[in-house]
Amino acid sequence: MRIQSIADLGAAIKERRIQLGMDQAALAKAAGTSRKWLVEAEKGKARAEVGLILKTLKALGMKLELNLENPPLPPNMAVAAKAIETLLGTLKKKP
């Protein structure tokens, strides 16, 4: 599942909880958090604490994995890429 926002993460948590037949109180207890916090996390509250999110995912048998879509260029290559962009821009302006 691709997670691109805190709302996506909250929806994934809620979906998994329901798949497992857990209510919010049971998951909150398993994750060591409050039901109130879980309700807010499932709604995609932007200020949800990462540590509690990770505990909640663990209680659901889930894990968070990060992947680089566009890895940054090393500094020397970034400078070269900028120089090439500038040169191409200059060449496009010439008749």
C-alpha atoms as a PDB file:
ATOM      1  CA  MET A   1       0.000   0.000   0.000  1.00  0.00           C
ATOM      2  CA  ARG A   2       1.349   3.404  -0.917  1.00  0.00           C
ATOM      3  CA  ILE A   3       1.077   5.988   1.850  1.00  0.00           C
ATOM      4  CA  GLN A   4       1.442   9.570   0.675  1.00  0.00           C
ATOM      5  CA  SER A   5      -0.172  11.479   3.530  1.00  0.00           C
ATOM      6  CA  ILE A   6      -1.036  11.162   7.205  1.00  0.00           C
ATOM      7  CA  ALA A   7      -4.654  10.672   6.111  1.00  0.00           C
ATOM      8  CA  ASP A   8      -3.575   7.633   4.039  1.00  0.00           C
ATOM      9  CA  LEU A   9      -1.714   6.263   7.060  1.00  0.00           C
ATOM     10  CA  GLY A  10      -4.732   6.767   9.313  1.00  0.00           C
ATOM     11  CA  ALA A  11      -6.984   5.027   6.790  1.00  0.00           C
ATOM     12  CA  ALA A  12      -4.560   2.091   6.557  1.00  0.00           C
ATOM     13  CA  ILE A  13      -4.503   1.726  10.332  1.00  0.00           C
ATOM     14  CA  LYS A  14      -8.295   1.781  10.510  1.00  0.00           C
ATOM     15  CA  GLU A  15      -8.654  -0.698   7.637  1.00  0.00           C
ATOM     16  CA  ARG A  16      -6.227  -3.169   9.217  1.00  0.00           C
ATOM     17  CA  ARG A  17      -7.856  -2.814  12.638  1.00  0.00           C
ATOM     18  CA  ILE A  18     -11.237  -3.648  11.120  1.00  0.00           C
ATOM     19  CA  GLN A  19      -9.757  -6.595   9.164  1.00  0.00           C
ATOM     20  CA  LEU A  20      -8.457  -7.986  12.446  1.00  0.00           C
ATOM     21  CA  GLY A  21     -11.850  -7.532  14.096  1.00  0.00           C
ATOM     22  CA  MET A  22     -10.470  -5.149  16.700  1.00  0.00           C
ATOM     23  CA  ASP A  23     -12.318  -2.204  18.143  1.00  0.00           C
ATOM     24  CA  GLN A  24     -10.503   1.036  18.876  1.00  0.00           C
ATOM     25  CA  ALA A  25     -10.271   0.333  22.590  1.00  0.00           C
ATOM     26  CA  ALA A  26      -8.573  -3.035  22.026  1.00  0.00           C
ATOM     27  CA  LEU A  27      -6.054  -1.598  19.592  1.00  0.00           C
ATOM     28  CA  ALA A  28      -5.341   1.368  21.843  1.00  0.00           C
ATOM     29  CA  LYS A  29      -4.606  -1.025  24.708  1.00  0.00           C
ATOM     30  CA  ALA A  30      -2.378  -3.248  22.521  1.00  0.00           C
ATOM     31  CA  ALA A  31      -0.469  -0.218  21.231  1.00  0.00           C
ATOM     32  CA  GLY A  32      -0.140   1.393  24.659  1.00  0.00           C
ATOM     33  CA  THR A  33      -2.024   4.531  23.712  1.00  0.00           C
ATOM     34  CA  SER A  34      -5.425   6.039  24.404  1.00  0.00           C
ATOM     35  CA  ARG A  35      -8.562   5.456  22.372  1.00  0.00           C
ATOM     36  CA  LYS A  36      -8.840   9.229  21.894  1.00  0.00           C
ATOM     37  CA  TRP A  37      -5.383   9.315  20.318  1.00  0.00           C
ATOM     38  CA  LEU A  38      -6.258   6.379  18.063  1.00  0.00           C
ATOM     39  CA  VAL A  39      -9.462   8.072  16.881  1.00  0.00           C
ATOM     40  CA  GLU A  40      -7.430  11.149  15.910  1.00  0.00           C
ATOM     41  CA  ALA A  41      -4.736   9.056  14.198  1.00  0.00           C
ATOM     42  CA  GLU A  42      -7.330   7.165  12.157  1.00  0.00           C
ATOM     43  CA  LYS A  43      -8.781  10.510  11.077  1.00  0.00           C
ATOM     44  CA  GLY A  44      -5.340  11.566   9.810  1.00  0.00           C
ATOM     45  CA  LYS A  45      -4.508  14.110  12.487  1.00  0.00           C
ATOM     46  CA  ALA A  46      -1.366  15.827  11.259  1.00  0.00           C
ATOM     47  CA  ARG A  47       0.278  16.013  14.686  1.00  0.00           C
ATOM     48  CA  ALA A  48       0.158  12.301  15.488  1.00  0.00           C
ATOM     49  CA  GLU A  49       3.370  11.243  17.246  1.00  0.00           C
ATOM     50  CA  VAL A  50       5.564   9.019  15.116  1.00  0.00           C
ATOM     51  CA  GLY A  51       6.506   6.811  18.061  1.00  0.00           C
ATOM     52  CA  LEU A  52       2.875   6.047  18.792  1.00  0.00           C
ATOM     53  CA  ILE A  53       2.171   5.444  15.103  1.00  0.00           C
ATOM     54  CA  LEU A  54       4.988   2.880  15.032  1.00  0.00           C
ATOM     55  CA  LYS A  55       3.671   1.158  18.183  1.00  0.00           C
ATOM     56  CA  THR A  56       0.195   1.057  16.638  1.00  0.00           C
ATOM     57  CA  LEU A  57       1.504  -0.447  13.395  1.00  0.00           C
ATOM     58  CA  LYS A  58       3.406  -3.072  15.387  1.00  0.00           C
ATOM     59  CA  ALA A  59       0.261  -3.961  17.348  1.00  0.00           C
ATOM     60  CA  LEU A  60      -1.480  -4.494  13.995  1.00  0.00           C
ATOM     61  CA  GLY A  61       1.336  -6.669  12.633  1.00  0.00           C
ATOM     62  CA  MET A  62       2.308  -3.956  10.145  1.00  0.00           C
ATOM     63  CA  LYS A  63       5.579  -2.194   9.488  1.00  0.00           C
ATOM     64  CA  LEU A  64       6.538   1.081   7.888  1.00  0.00           C
ATOM     65  CA  GLU A  65       8.988   0.929   5.015  1.00  0.00           C
ATOM     66  CA  LEU A  66      10.528   3.928   3.264  1.00  0.00           C
ATOM     67  CA  ASN A  67      11.637   3.878  -0.361  1.00  0.00           C
ATOM     68  CA  LEU A  68      13.464   6.528  -2.340  1.00  0.00           C
ATOM     69  CA  GLU A  69      11.581   7.463  -5.488  1.00  0.00           C
ATOM     70  CA  ASN A  70      14.104   9.978  -6.772  1.00  0.00           C
ATOM     71  CA  PRO A  71      17.353   9.674  -4.865  1.00  0.00           C
ATOM     72  CA  PRO A  72      19.192  12.984  -4.576  1.00  0.00           C
ATOM     73  CA  LEU A  73      22.248  13.534  -6.721  1.00  0.00           C
ATOM     74  CA  PRO A  74      25.645  13.725  -5.018  1.00  0.00           C
ATOM     75  CA  PRO A  75      26.727  17.380  -4.629  1.00  0.00           C
ATOM     76  CA  ASN A  76      29.213  17.298  -7.521  1.00  0.00           C
ATOM     77  CA  MET A  77      26.609  15.770  -9.866  1.00  0.00           C
ATOM     78  CA  ALA A  78      23.968  18.279  -8.744  1.00  0.00           C
ATOM     79  CA  VAL A  79      26.288  21.144  -9.733  1.00  0.00           C
ATOM     80  CA  ALA A  80      26.949  19.506 -13.125  1.00  0.00           C
ATOM     81  CA  ALA A  81      23.226  18.918 -13.687  1.00  0.00           C
ATOM     82  CA  LYS A  82      22.488  22.591 -12.921  1.00  0.00           C
ATOM     83  CA  ALA A  83      25.208  23.691 -15.354  1.00  0.00           C
ATOM     84  CA  ILE A  84      23.740  21.471 -18.074  1.00  0.00           C
ATOM     85  CA  GLU A  85      20.234  22.853 -17.427  1.00  0.00           C
ATOM     86  CA  THR A  86      21.577  26.410 -17.704  1.00  0.00           C
ATOM     87  CA  LEU A  87      23.406  25.618 -20.928  1.00  0.00           C
ATOM     88  CA  LEU A  88      20.354  23.945 -22.452  1.00  0.00           C
ATOM     89  CA  GLY A  89      18.205  26.914 -21.451  1.00  0.00           C
ATOM     90  CA  THR A  90      20.663  29.274 -23.139  1.00  0.00           C
ATOM     91  CA  LEU A  91      20.724  27.168 -26.319  1.00  0.00           C
ATOM     92  CA  LYS A  92      16.917  27.064 -26.490  1.00  0.00           C
ATOM     93  CA  LYS A  93      16.789  30.888 -26.418  1.00  0.00           C
ATOM     94  CA  LYS A  94      19.080  31.251 -29.471  1.00  0.00           C
ATOM     95  CA  PRO A  95      17.307  31.488 -32.859  1.00  0.00           C
END
